[in-house]
Amino acid sequence: MTETPTATPSSATMIATANPATGEPVGSWPVDDADRVAAVVAQARRAADTWRELGFTERKRALQRWAAQLVSHADEFCALIHAENGKPLDDAYLEVITAVEHLNWAAENARRVLEPKRVWPGLMMANHEAVIEQRPHGVVGVIGPWNYPVYTPNGSIAYALAAGNTVVFKPSELTTGVGRWYVEAFAKANPALPEGVLSVLTGPGETGRALVTSGVDMIAFTGSTATGKRIMAAAAERLTPVVLECGGKDAAIVAEDADVAAAADAIAWSAMANSGQTCVGTERCYVVASVYDQFLAELTARVRDLVPGSDGDATYGPMTLPAQVDVVAEHVAAALADGATAVVGGADSVRAPFVRPIVLVDVPEDSVAVREETFGPTLTVHKVRDVAEAIRLANDSRYGLASSVFSRKRGMAIARELRAGATSVNSPAAYAAIPALPFGGVGESGVGRIHGEAGLLGFTRPHSIARQRFAIPGMALQSFARTDSTLATVKKLTVRRFGRAK
């Protein structure tokens, strides 16, 4: 593999980013140390009362002004995403508008989901009013990834803000400029708001660790499972709630009644788009034997001519994280050593910073290429006897983030058998673009949910309030003045209500 030149390296006091395709410098910023992190969190806490007290209507207006700012300056923003992350401009634009869709949904639906709700107090407490009110946690720390540097952290930030929290955001050190632009757009759209409603920190992992231990009221993290575990352990010191979206080894199932050409098209995109650097991208594919040959022919025809690059003709961009190129190379080499065959690409497809598409067949299920997240433009394709075997193999993973199913008649039934946080039927990753659907994984793919009603609720805590509206003479149950006749009445009511099976 050839080495790509890099920008001025980061130091103890400055962090620099570079174009992953060319090594050209993009920008540099001061590293925020623990003292700076503490100061930013304190500022966010001072702004929390103002932001919360604005109420749903004014917060909605502020968030929608921010959305308009992002859209009206999308060309500038996408150019920065292309420069710092490497993805094509069209893909950058799709990322931005999907984030805006989520931002608007959170703003529009926060009141409906989070406004106080009365619940039935039960027969014994019928003289009470019972209300559930959702309270924002306070200050939420968000640590974002580099692969989707806008869409992914936005799934926490937009929902946390809509729920009434203030947010301190630490973007990946590889996409610092994108993170800062995104946060500065909020301030430009809302100049009358106090500083601290949405803040940004810049720096490497140490800055993120300082944020986790800074006393924030909640942490939302997207990244590797190993890092997620360390964050969860650190947060446990103060019982700080967390939502973690971690790694995946996502599977696709192609049933015997699938539209094979459509399935091949969808899986090719899911596996190879963004240079395979997608947590919900397909890395494993299980195809029923009766359509296996047709599927493999359709897939290879679509994948063979995909070309990575940094110009306008490129199908997808470079590997953003240089170290990930080595992971891809190791997994491909291991698969081939384990007896696999590369029907598209191979070991010589890995030439940093670009990796051409690689499709592997006959990969043993215990190979590292099947068991561990590769996070590159690679795909393993496995022939199975039937859908039952496909489901068993798809579920045989320590991860459980996302999955996809291709079947004309059985898609929903198959989806319900899969151990995953999200499943797309007859399309690739559709759930990610639908704001009303919660998103997150099971197993070592993480805990908690962002997006949808679950995302809004997750960035709040329920406060239960019971108010006695009037006293019932002789029915003081929660009192030492309770009489024997009171308890006898309660017993009769209980038997009448619950003592007979229906």
Protein backbone atom coordinates (compact mmCIF):
# COMPACT_ATOMS: atom_id res chain seq x y z
CA MET A 1 0.00 0.00 0.00
CA THR A 2 1.20 3.49 -0.75
CA GLU A 3 1.16 6.19 1.89
CA THR A 4 -0.78 9.41 1.43
CA PRO A 5 0.88 12.63 2.61
CA THR A 6 -0.79 14.21 5.61
CA ALA A 7 -1.36 17.73 6.82
CA THR A 8 0.65 19.28 9.59
CA PRO A 9 0.32 16.71 12.37
CA SER A 10 -1.72 17.46 15.43
CA SER A 11 0.20 18.55 18.51
CA ALA A 12 -0.57 18.90 22.20
CA THR A 13 -2.09 22.31 21.56
CA MET A 14 -3.41 22.17 17.99
CA ILE A 15 -5.37 19.64 15.97
CA ALA A 16 -5.28 19.60 12.17
CA THR A 17 -7.42 17.91 9.55
CA ALA A 18 -6.50 16.88 6.02
CA ASN A 19 -8.25 15.79 2.86
CA PRO A 20 -8.06 11.97 3.08
CA ALA A 21 -7.69 11.64 -0.71
CA THR A 22 -4.86 14.13 -1.21
CA GLY A 23 -3.40 14.88 2.20
CA GLU A 24 -3.96 18.60 1.62
CA PRO A 25 -4.57 20.57 4.82
CA VAL A 26 -8.16 21.55 5.56
CA GLY A 27 -7.83 23.42 8.83
CA SER A 28 -6.40 23.50 12.33
CA TRP A 29 -7.89 24.40 15.70
CA PRO A 30 -6.78 24.57 19.34
CA VAL A 31 -7.06 21.38 21.36
CA ASP A 32 -9.57 21.80 24.18
CA ASP A 33 -8.09 20.47 27.42
CA ALA A 34 -9.98 19.42 30.54
CA ASP A 35 -10.15 22.99 31.86
CA ARG A 36 -11.63 24.25 28.61
CA VAL A 37 -14.09 21.34 28.56
CA ALA A 38 -15.22 22.22 32.09
CA ALA A 39 -15.71 25.86 31.10
CA VAL A 40 -17.80 24.95 28.04
CA VAL A 41 -19.97 22.56 30.06
CA ALA A 42 -20.48 25.26 32.71
CA GLN A 43 -21.56 27.70 29.99
CA ALA A 44 -24.01 25.11 28.66
CA ARG A 45 -25.42 24.70 32.14
CA ARG A 46 -25.94 28.45 32.47
CA ALA A 47 -27.79 28.48 29.16
CA ALA A 48 -29.95 25.47 30.07
CA ASP A 49 -32.64 27.39 31.96
CA THR A 50 -33.10 29.89 29.14
CA TRP A 51 -33.34 27.18 26.48
CA ARG A 52 -35.71 25.03 28.52
CA GLU A 53 -37.96 27.95 29.44
CA LEU A 54 -38.36 28.98 25.80
CA GLY A 55 -40.87 26.16 25.52
CA PHE A 56 -41.71 23.94 22.60
CA THR A 57 -42.88 26.66 20.22
CA GLU A 58 -39.82 28.90 20.47
CA ARG A 59 -37.41 25.96 20.44
CA LYS A 60 -39.14 24.72 17.32
CA ARG A 61 -38.64 28.09 15.65
CA ALA A 62 -34.96 28.17 16.61
CA LEU A 63 -34.37 24.67 15.26
CA GLN A 64 -36.16 25.40 12.02
CA ARG A 65 -34.14 28.58 11.55
CA TRP A 66 -31.07 26.40 11.94
CA ALA A 67 -32.41 23.93 9.36
CA ALA A 68 -32.95 26.81 6.93
CA GLN A 69 -29.40 27.99 7.53
CA LEU A 70 -28.02 24.54 6.73
CA VAL A 71 -30.08 24.26 3.54
CA SER A 72 -29.37 27.77 2.26
CA HIS A 73 -25.62 27.25 2.67
CA ALA A 74 -25.60 23.57 1.69
CA ASP A 75 -23.13 23.99 -1.19
CA GLU A 76 -20.52 25.51 1.11
CA PHE A 77 -21.17 22.88 3.76
CA CYS A 78 -20.99 19.99 1.30
CA ALA A 79 -17.71 21.26 -0.11
CA LEU A 80 -16.26 21.13 3.41
CA ILE A 81 -17.63 17.63 4.01
CA HIS A 82 -16.10 16.49 0.70
CA ALA A 83 -12.75 18.02 1.61
CA GLU A 84 -12.55 16.70 5.16
CA ASN A 85 -14.38 13.36 4.94
CA GLY A 86 -13.71 12.58 1.26
CA LYS A 87 -17.20 11.50 0.17
CA PRO A 88 -18.56 12.77 -3.17
CA LEU A 89 -20.47 16.04 -3.16
CA ASP A 90 -23.76 14.34 -4.03
CA ASP A 91 -23.40 11.97 -1.10
CA ALA A 92 -22.54 14.90 1.17
CA TYR A 93 -25.72 16.67 0.06
CA LEU A 94 -27.86 13.60 0.72
CA GLU A 95 -26.33 13.39 4.20
CA VAL A 96 -27.13 17.04 4.94
CA ILE A 97 -30.73 16.93 3.74
CA THR A 98 -31.40 13.70 5.64
CA ALA A 99 -30.07 15.37 8.77
CA VAL A 100 -32.33 18.35 8.11
CA GLU A 101 -35.30 16.01 7.74
CA HIS A 102 -34.57 14.60 11.20
CA LEU A 103 -33.98 18.07 12.63
CA ASN A 104 -37.34 19.27 11.38
CA TRP A 105 -39.14 16.13 12.62
CA ALA A 106 -37.72 16.56 16.11
CA ALA A 107 -38.75 20.23 16.14
CA GLU A 108 -42.26 19.49 14.86
CA ASN A 109 -43.01 16.53 17.12
CA ALA A 110 -41.39 17.42 20.45
CA ARG A 111 -44.54 18.96 21.92
CA ARG A 112 -46.77 16.05 20.92
CA VAL A 113 -44.39 13.45 22.34
CA LEU A 114 -43.17 15.26 25.45
CA GLU A 115 -46.05 17.40 26.68
CA PRO A 116 -47.54 16.36 30.07
CA LYS A 117 -49.87 13.38 29.89
CA ARG A 118 -52.62 12.41 32.31
CA VAL A 119 -52.96 8.73 33.12
CA TRP A 120 -55.70 6.78 34.92
CA PRO A 121 -54.81 6.63 38.64
CA GLY A 122 -56.66 3.37 39.28
CA LEU A 123 -59.73 2.63 41.37
CA MET A 124 -58.02 2.85 44.76
CA MET A 125 -56.53 6.27 43.93
CA ALA A 126 -59.44 7.63 41.92
CA ASN A 127 -59.45 10.86 43.91
CA HIS A 128 -56.00 11.72 42.50
CA GLU A 129 -54.83 13.31 39.29
CA ALA A 130 -51.86 11.38 37.80
CA VAL A 131 -49.56 13.18 35.41
CA ILE A 132 -46.32 12.21 33.64
CA GLU A 133 -44.10 15.15 32.75
CA GLN A 134 -40.90 14.75 30.71
CA ARG A 135 -37.94 16.74 32.01
CA PRO A 136 -34.80 17.36 29.95
CA HIS A 137 -31.68 15.85 31.46
CA GLY A 138 -29.87 19.20 31.37
CA VAL A 139 -26.53 19.23 29.54
CA VAL A 140 -25.98 16.43 27.01
CA GLY A 141 -22.48 15.60 25.76
CA VAL A 142 -22.43 14.25 22.20
CA ILE A 143 -19.35 12.54 20.73
CA GLY A 144 -19.67 12.10 16.98
CA PRO A 145 -18.04 9.93 14.28
CA TRP A 146 -16.17 10.78 11.09
CA ASN A 147 -18.00 8.57 8.59
CA TYR A 148 -21.27 10.53 8.64
CA PRO A 149 -20.10 13.65 10.47
CA VAL A 150 -23.41 15.53 10.12
CA TYR A 151 -26.22 12.98 9.93
CA THR A 152 -25.08 10.75 12.78
CA PRO A 153 -24.42 13.28 15.57
CA ASN A 154 -27.45 15.26 14.42
CA GLY A 155 -29.56 12.26 15.42
CA SER A 156 -28.58 12.97 19.02
CA ILE A 157 -28.12 16.74 18.91
CA ALA A 158 -31.39 17.67 17.20
CA TYR A 159 -33.48 15.42 19.42
CA ALA A 160 -31.69 16.49 22.60
CA LEU A 161 -32.20 20.17 21.78
CA ALA A 162 -35.84 19.67 20.82
CA ALA A 163 -36.36 17.97 24.19
CA GLY A 164 -35.05 21.06 25.99
CA ASN A 165 -31.44 20.09 26.72
CA THR A 166 -28.37 22.11 25.91
CA VAL A 167 -25.65 20.21 24.04
CA VAL A 168 -21.85 20.12 24.02
CA PHE A 169 -20.63 18.42 20.85
CA LYS A 170 -17.19 16.86 20.33
CA PRO A 171 -16.83 15.90 16.65
CA SER A 172 -14.27 13.39 15.44
CA GLU A 173 -10.77 14.78 15.18
CA LEU A 174 -10.87 13.75 11.50
CA THR A 175 -13.87 15.99 10.74
CA THR A 176 -13.38 18.86 13.16
CA GLY A 177 -14.12 21.51 10.57
CA VAL A 178 -17.46 19.91 9.67
CA GLY A 179 -18.49 19.78 13.32
CA ARG A 180 -17.57 23.40 13.93
CA TRP A 181 -19.39 24.60 10.79
CA TYR A 182 -22.52 22.71 11.85
CA VAL A 183 -22.53 24.28 15.32
CA GLU A 184 -21.67 27.77 14.05
CA ALA A 185 -24.64 27.55 11.68
CA PHE A 186 -26.90 27.24 14.74
CA ALA A 187 -25.43 30.40 16.26
CA LYS A 188 -25.74 32.32 12.99
CA ALA A 189 -29.38 31.29 12.68
CA ASN A 190 -30.12 32.24 16.29
CA PRO A 191 -28.00 35.27 17.25
CA ALA A 192 -30.35 36.28 20.08
CA LEU A 193 -29.86 33.04 22.00
CA PRO A 194 -27.22 32.90 24.75
CA GLU A 195 -23.95 31.14 24.10
CA GLY A 196 -23.97 27.61 25.38
CA VAL A 197 -27.21 26.25 23.91
CA LEU A 198 -25.10 24.32 21.39
CA SER A 199 -21.32 24.33 21.83
CA VAL A 200 -18.44 22.55 20.14
CA LEU A 201 -15.19 21.13 21.51
CA THR A 202 -12.19 20.27 19.37
CA GLY A 203 -9.52 17.74 20.10
CA PRO A 204 -8.54 14.06 20.08
CA GLY A 205 -9.81 11.26 22.26
CA GLU A 206 -8.56 12.93 25.43
CA THR A 207 -11.00 15.78 24.85
CA GLY A 208 -13.83 13.29 24.53
CA ARG A 209 -12.78 11.55 27.73
CA ALA A 210 -12.77 14.90 29.52
CA LEU A 211 -16.31 15.54 28.28
CA VAL A 212 -17.53 12.17 29.58
CA THR A 213 -16.17 12.90 33.07
CA SER A 214 -17.04 16.61 33.11
CA GLY A 215 -20.33 16.27 34.94
CA VAL A 216 -22.66 16.39 31.94
CA ASP A 217 -26.08 14.90 32.58
CA MET A 218 -26.09 12.45 29.66
CA ILE A 219 -23.67 11.14 27.03
CA ALA A 220 -24.54 10.17 23.45
CA PHE A 221 -21.73 8.43 21.58
CA THR A 222 -21.28 6.94 18.13
CA GLY A 223 -18.15 4.95 17.36
CA SER A 224 -16.46 1.63 17.96
CA THR A 225 -17.73 -0.93 20.42
CA ALA A 226 -14.42 -0.89 22.31
CA THR A 227 -14.61 2.88 22.84
CA GLY A 228 -18.31 2.65 23.71
CA LYS A 229 -17.51 0.20 26.50
CA ARG A 230 -14.89 2.54 27.94
CA ILE A 231 -17.33 5.45 27.83
CA MET A 232 -20.01 3.39 29.54
CA ALA A 233 -17.57 2.39 32.28
CA ALA A 234 -16.50 5.99 32.85
CA ALA A 235 -20.11 7.19 32.88
CA ALA A 236 -20.96 4.55 35.47
CA GLU A 237 -18.86 6.39 38.04
CA ARG A 238 -21.63 9.01 38.31
CA LEU A 239 -24.43 6.81 36.90
CA THR A 240 -24.58 9.19 33.95
CA PRO A 241 -27.10 7.83 31.42
CA VAL A 242 -25.71 6.95 28.01
CA VAL A 243 -26.92 6.16 24.52
CA LEU A 244 -24.30 4.25 22.54
CA GLU A 245 -24.41 3.49 18.82
CA CYS A 246 -21.48 1.18 18.20
CA GLY A 247 -20.25 -1.28 15.62
CA GLY A 248 -22.13 -3.66 13.39
CA LYS A 249 -21.66 -6.63 11.10
CA ASP A 250 -24.91 -6.18 9.27
CA ALA A 251 -26.45 -9.01 7.28
CA ALA A 252 -28.72 -9.13 4.25
CA ILE A 253 -30.97 -12.07 3.39
CA VAL A 254 -32.06 -12.79 -0.18
CA ALA A 255 -35.01 -15.19 -0.19
CA GLU A 256 -36.05 -17.48 -3.05
CA ASP A 257 -38.90 -15.13 -4.01
CA ALA A 258 -36.82 -11.95 -4.04
CA ASP A 259 -36.61 -9.55 -6.96
CA VAL A 260 -33.02 -10.62 -7.49
CA ALA A 261 -31.92 -7.72 -9.68
CA ALA A 262 -33.35 -5.17 -7.24
CA ALA A 263 -31.77 -7.00 -4.30
CA ALA A 264 -28.36 -6.97 -6.00
CA ASP A 265 -28.66 -3.26 -6.73
CA ALA A 266 -29.62 -2.43 -3.14
CA ILE A 267 -26.96 -4.61 -1.54
CA ALA A 268 -24.24 -3.30 -3.86
CA TRP A 269 -25.05 0.24 -2.73
CA SER A 270 -25.38 -0.71 0.92
CA ALA A 271 -22.02 -2.50 0.95
CA MET A 272 -19.94 -0.09 -1.14
CA ALA A 273 -21.36 3.42 -0.67
CA ASN A 274 -19.24 5.77 1.43
CA SER A 275 -16.35 3.38 0.79
CA GLY A 276 -18.12 0.85 2.98
CA GLN A 277 -17.68 3.14 5.98
CA THR A 278 -21.29 2.81 7.10
CA CYS A 279 -22.29 1.27 10.42
CA VAL A 280 -25.52 -0.04 8.86
CA GLY A 281 -23.90 -1.04 5.58
CA THR A 282 -24.23 -4.68 4.51
CA GLU A 283 -21.07 -6.71 5.19
CA ARG A 284 -22.58 -10.23 5.10
CA CYS A 285 -25.08 -11.56 2.57
CA TYR A 286 -26.98 -14.86 2.81
CA VAL A 287 -28.64 -16.01 -0.42
CA VAL A 288 -30.97 -18.97 -0.83
CA ALA A 289 -29.42 -21.55 -3.17
CA SER A 290 -32.13 -21.41 -5.83
CA VAL A 291 -31.31 -17.77 -6.67
CA TYR A 292 -27.65 -17.71 -5.62
CA ASP A 293 -26.07 -17.89 -9.08
CA GLN A 294 -28.41 -15.27 -10.51
CA PHE A 295 -27.82 -12.97 -7.55
CA LEU A 296 -24.04 -13.31 -7.70
CA ALA A 297 -24.06 -12.52 -11.44
CA GLU A 298 -26.26 -9.45 -10.89
CA LEU A 299 -24.16 -8.28 -7.94
CA THR A 300 -20.78 -8.63 -9.61
CA ALA A 301 -22.04 -6.87 -12.74
CA ARG A 302 -23.01 -3.86 -10.63
CA VAL A 303 -19.96 -3.80 -8.37
CA ARG A 304 -17.13 -4.56 -10.80
CA ASP A 305 -17.07 -1.14 -12.44
CA LEU A 306 -17.42 1.00 -9.29
CA VAL A 307 -14.45 3.34 -9.03
CA PRO A 308 -13.32 5.16 -5.89
CA GLY A 309 -11.73 8.58 -6.23
CA SER A 310 -11.88 12.24 -5.30
CA ASP A 311 -13.10 13.75 -8.58
CA GLY A 312 -16.63 14.24 -9.87
CA ASP A 313 -16.65 10.88 -11.66
CA ALA A 314 -15.88 8.81 -8.55
CA THR A 315 -18.49 6.35 -7.31
CA TYR A 316 -17.31 6.78 -3.75
CA GLY A 317 -14.45 8.44 -1.95
CA PRO A 318 -11.31 7.42 -0.07
CA MET A 319 -11.02 5.67 3.25
CA THR A 320 -11.30 8.52 5.72
CA LEU A 321 -9.36 6.85 8.54
CA PRO A 322 -5.95 5.65 7.32
CA ALA A 323 -5.78 2.86 9.90
CA GLN A 324 -9.01 1.38 8.54
CA VAL A 325 -7.25 0.51 5.29
CA ASP A 326 -5.09 -1.90 7.27
CA VAL A 327 -8.17 -3.50 8.82
CA VAL A 328 -9.67 -4.08 5.38
CA ALA A 329 -6.42 -5.59 4.12
CA GLU A 330 -6.17 -7.89 7.15
CA HIS A 331 -9.75 -9.13 6.80
CA VAL A 332 -9.42 -9.81 3.08
CA ALA A 333 -6.11 -11.61 3.57
CA ALA A 334 -7.61 -13.70 6.37
CA ALA A 335 -10.62 -14.67 4.27
CA LEU A 336 -8.44 -15.74 1.34
CA ALA A 337 -6.18 -17.69 3.67
CA ASP A 338 -9.27 -19.39 5.09
CA GLY A 339 -10.20 -20.67 1.61
CA ALA A 340 -12.41 -17.88 0.28
CA THR A 341 -12.51 -16.78 -3.36
CA ALA A 342 -12.61 -13.15 -4.46
CA VAL A 343 -15.07 -12.88 -7.35
CA VAL A 344 -14.56 -9.11 -7.50
CA GLY A 345 -11.33 -7.46 -6.47
CA GLY A 346 -8.93 -9.04 -4.03
CA ALA A 347 -5.88 -8.26 -1.97
CA ASP A 348 -4.50 -5.98 -4.71
CA SER A 349 -7.67 -3.84 -4.52
CA VAL A 350 -6.38 -2.22 -1.35
CA ARG A 351 -4.28 0.80 -2.29
CA ALA A 352 -4.46 3.54 0.31
CA PRO A 353 -6.26 5.85 0.47
CA PHE A 354 -8.63 4.05 -1.92
CA VAL A 355 -10.06 0.54 -1.76
CA ARG A 356 -11.76 -0.88 -4.83
CA PRO A 357 -14.84 -3.11 -4.32
CA ILE A 358 -14.18 -6.61 -3.01
CA VAL A 359 -16.73 -9.44 -3.08
CA LEU A 360 -15.77 -12.71 -1.37
CA VAL A 361 -17.52 -16.09 -1.56
CA ASP A 362 -17.00 -19.35 0.33
CA VAL A 363 -15.77 -17.49 3.40
CA PRO A 364 -15.96 -19.71 6.51
CA GLU A 365 -18.36 -18.36 9.10
CA ASP A 366 -15.62 -18.35 11.73
CA SER A 367 -13.34 -16.15 9.61
CA VAL A 368 -12.54 -12.71 10.97
CA ALA A 369 -13.96 -11.34 7.71
CA VAL A 370 -17.38 -12.62 8.82
CA ARG A 371 -17.13 -12.19 12.58
CA GLU A 372 -15.64 -8.69 12.92
CA GLU A 373 -16.61 -5.31 11.50
CA THR A 374 -14.53 -4.54 8.40
CA PHE A 375 -15.85 -1.04 7.67
CA GLY A 376 -14.68 -0.99 4.09
CA PRO A 377 -16.09 -1.71 0.58
CA THR A 378 -16.16 -5.47 1.06
CA LEU A 379 -18.94 -8.04 1.06
CA THR A 380 -19.07 -11.74 1.87
CA VAL A 381 -21.75 -13.76 0.02
CA HIS A 382 -22.84 -17.11 1.43
CA LYS A 383 -25.12 -19.70 -0.23
CA VAL A 384 -27.72 -21.17 2.16
CA ARG A 385 -30.25 -24.00 1.86
CA ASP A 386 -33.23 -21.92 2.90
CA VAL A 387 -34.35 -18.81 4.74
CA ALA A 388 -34.24 -20.60 8.08
CA GLU A 389 -30.49 -21.17 7.69
CA ALA A 390 -30.05 -17.58 6.56
CA ILE A 391 -31.80 -16.29 9.68
CA ARG A 392 -29.70 -18.51 11.94
CA LEU A 393 -26.44 -17.35 10.41
CA ALA A 394 -27.48 -13.69 10.30
CA ASN A 395 -28.29 -13.81 14.01
CA ASP A 396 -25.06 -15.59 14.90
CA SER A 397 -23.14 -12.42 15.72
CA ARG A 398 -22.16 -10.51 18.82
CA TYR A 399 -23.41 -7.42 16.99
CA GLY A 400 -27.01 -6.55 16.25
CA LEU A 401 -27.28 -3.12 14.67
CA ALA A 402 -29.15 -3.42 11.38
CA SER A 403 -30.17 -5.87 8.66
CA SER A 404 -32.03 -6.11 5.38
CA VAL A 405 -34.37 -8.64 3.80
CA PHE A 406 -35.34 -9.15 0.17
CA SER A 407 -38.52 -11.14 -0.41
CA ARG A 408 -41.70 -10.39 -2.33
CA LYS A 409 -44.05 -12.14 0.11
CA ARG A 410 -42.21 -12.99 3.32
CA GLY A 411 -40.16 -9.87 4.02
CA MET A 412 -41.96 -8.75 7.17
CA ALA A 413 -42.10 -12.27 8.62
CA ILE A 414 -38.35 -12.75 8.06
CA ALA A 415 -37.58 -9.31 9.48
CA ARG A 416 -39.34 -10.20 12.72
CA GLU A 417 -36.98 -13.16 13.20
CA LEU A 418 -33.82 -11.09 13.01
CA ARG A 419 -31.87 -9.98 16.07
CA ALA A 420 -31.20 -6.38 15.13
CA GLY A 421 -32.23 -2.89 16.08
CA ALA A 422 -33.48 -2.07 12.59
CA THR A 423 -34.40 -3.96 9.43
CA SER A 424 -35.10 -2.72 5.93
CA VAL A 425 -37.30 -4.84 3.66
CA ASN A 426 -36.66 -4.68 -0.11
CA SER A 427 -34.53 -1.53 0.21
CA PRO A 428 -31.19 -0.57 1.75
CA ALA A 429 -31.20 1.20 5.15
CA ALA A 430 -34.56 2.91 4.63
CA TYR A 431 -35.12 3.13 8.40
CA ALA A 432 -32.24 5.60 8.71
CA ALA A 433 -34.01 8.16 6.54
CA ILE A 434 -37.39 7.87 8.28
CA PRO A 435 -37.30 10.22 11.28
CA ALA A 436 -40.21 8.59 13.09
CA LEU A 437 -38.36 5.25 13.40
CA PRO A 438 -36.07 4.82 16.43
CA PHE A 439 -32.49 3.81 15.68
CA GLY A 440 -30.00 1.79 17.71
CA GLY A 441 -28.65 -1.69 18.19
CA VAL A 442 -28.63 -4.72 20.47
CA GLY A 443 -25.77 -6.77 21.82
CA GLU A 444 -22.39 -5.15 21.23
CA SER A 445 -23.91 -2.71 18.77
CA GLY A 446 -24.96 -0.47 21.63
CA VAL A 447 -27.68 0.59 24.03
CA GLY A 448 -30.46 3.15 23.83
CA ARG A 449 -32.15 4.76 20.87
CA ILE A 450 -32.00 7.97 18.89
CA HIS A 451 -34.57 9.24 16.35
CA GLY A 452 -38.34 9.09 16.57
CA GLU A 453 -40.44 9.26 19.71
CA ALA A 454 -38.02 6.95 21.50
CA GLY A 455 -35.20 9.38 20.73
CA LEU A 456 -37.09 12.36 22.13
CA LEU A 457 -38.11 10.41 25.22
CA GLY A 458 -34.57 9.11 25.66
CA PHE A 459 -33.23 12.64 26.04
CA THR A 460 -35.66 13.30 28.88
CA ARG A 461 -36.50 11.73 32.23
CA PRO A 462 -40.08 11.10 33.32
CA HIS A 463 -41.32 12.97 36.38
CA SER A 464 -44.42 11.35 37.88
CA ILE A 465 -46.80 13.66 39.77
CA ALA A 466 -49.84 12.53 41.76
CA ARG A 467 -52.12 15.26 43.10
CA GLN A 468 -54.98 14.55 45.49
CA ARG A 469 -57.98 16.41 44.10
CA PHE A 470 -60.30 15.73 47.02
CA ALA A 471 -60.45 13.58 50.15
CA ILE A 472 -62.81 10.61 50.42
CA PRO A 473 -64.20 10.42 53.95
CA GLY A 474 -63.32 7.16 55.60
CA MET A 475 -60.99 6.10 52.80
CA ALA A 476 -57.62 7.33 54.05
CA LEU A 477 -55.49 4.43 52.81
CA GLN A 478 -52.14 6.15 53.23
CA SER A 479 -52.59 7.11 56.84
CA PHE A 480 -52.16 5.64 60.30
CA ALA A 481 -55.77 6.76 60.80
CA ARG A 482 -56.93 4.01 58.46
CA THR A 483 -59.75 1.97 60.01
CA ASP A 484 -60.72 -1.68 59.81
CA SER A 485 -63.88 -0.74 57.92
CA THR A 486 -61.78 1.10 55.35
CA LEU A 487 -59.69 -2.01 54.70
CA ALA A 488 -62.81 -4.19 54.55
CA THR A 489 -64.26 -1.90 51.87
CA VAL A 490 -61.01 -2.09 49.91
CA LYS A 491 -61.04 -5.90 50.07
CA LYS A 492 -64.61 -6.04 48.74
CA LEU A 493 -63.74 -3.70 45.87
CA THR A 494 -60.62 -5.69 45.08
CA VAL A 495 -62.48 -8.98 44.90
CA ARG A 496 -65.18 -7.44 42.75
CA ARG A 497 -62.62 -5.94 40.35
CA PHE A 498 -59.94 -8.61 40.17
CA GLY A 499 -61.27 -11.76 41.85
CA ARG A 500 -63.01 -13.30 38.86
CA ALA A 501 -61.19 -14.43 35.73
CA LYS A 502 -62.73 -13.09 32.53
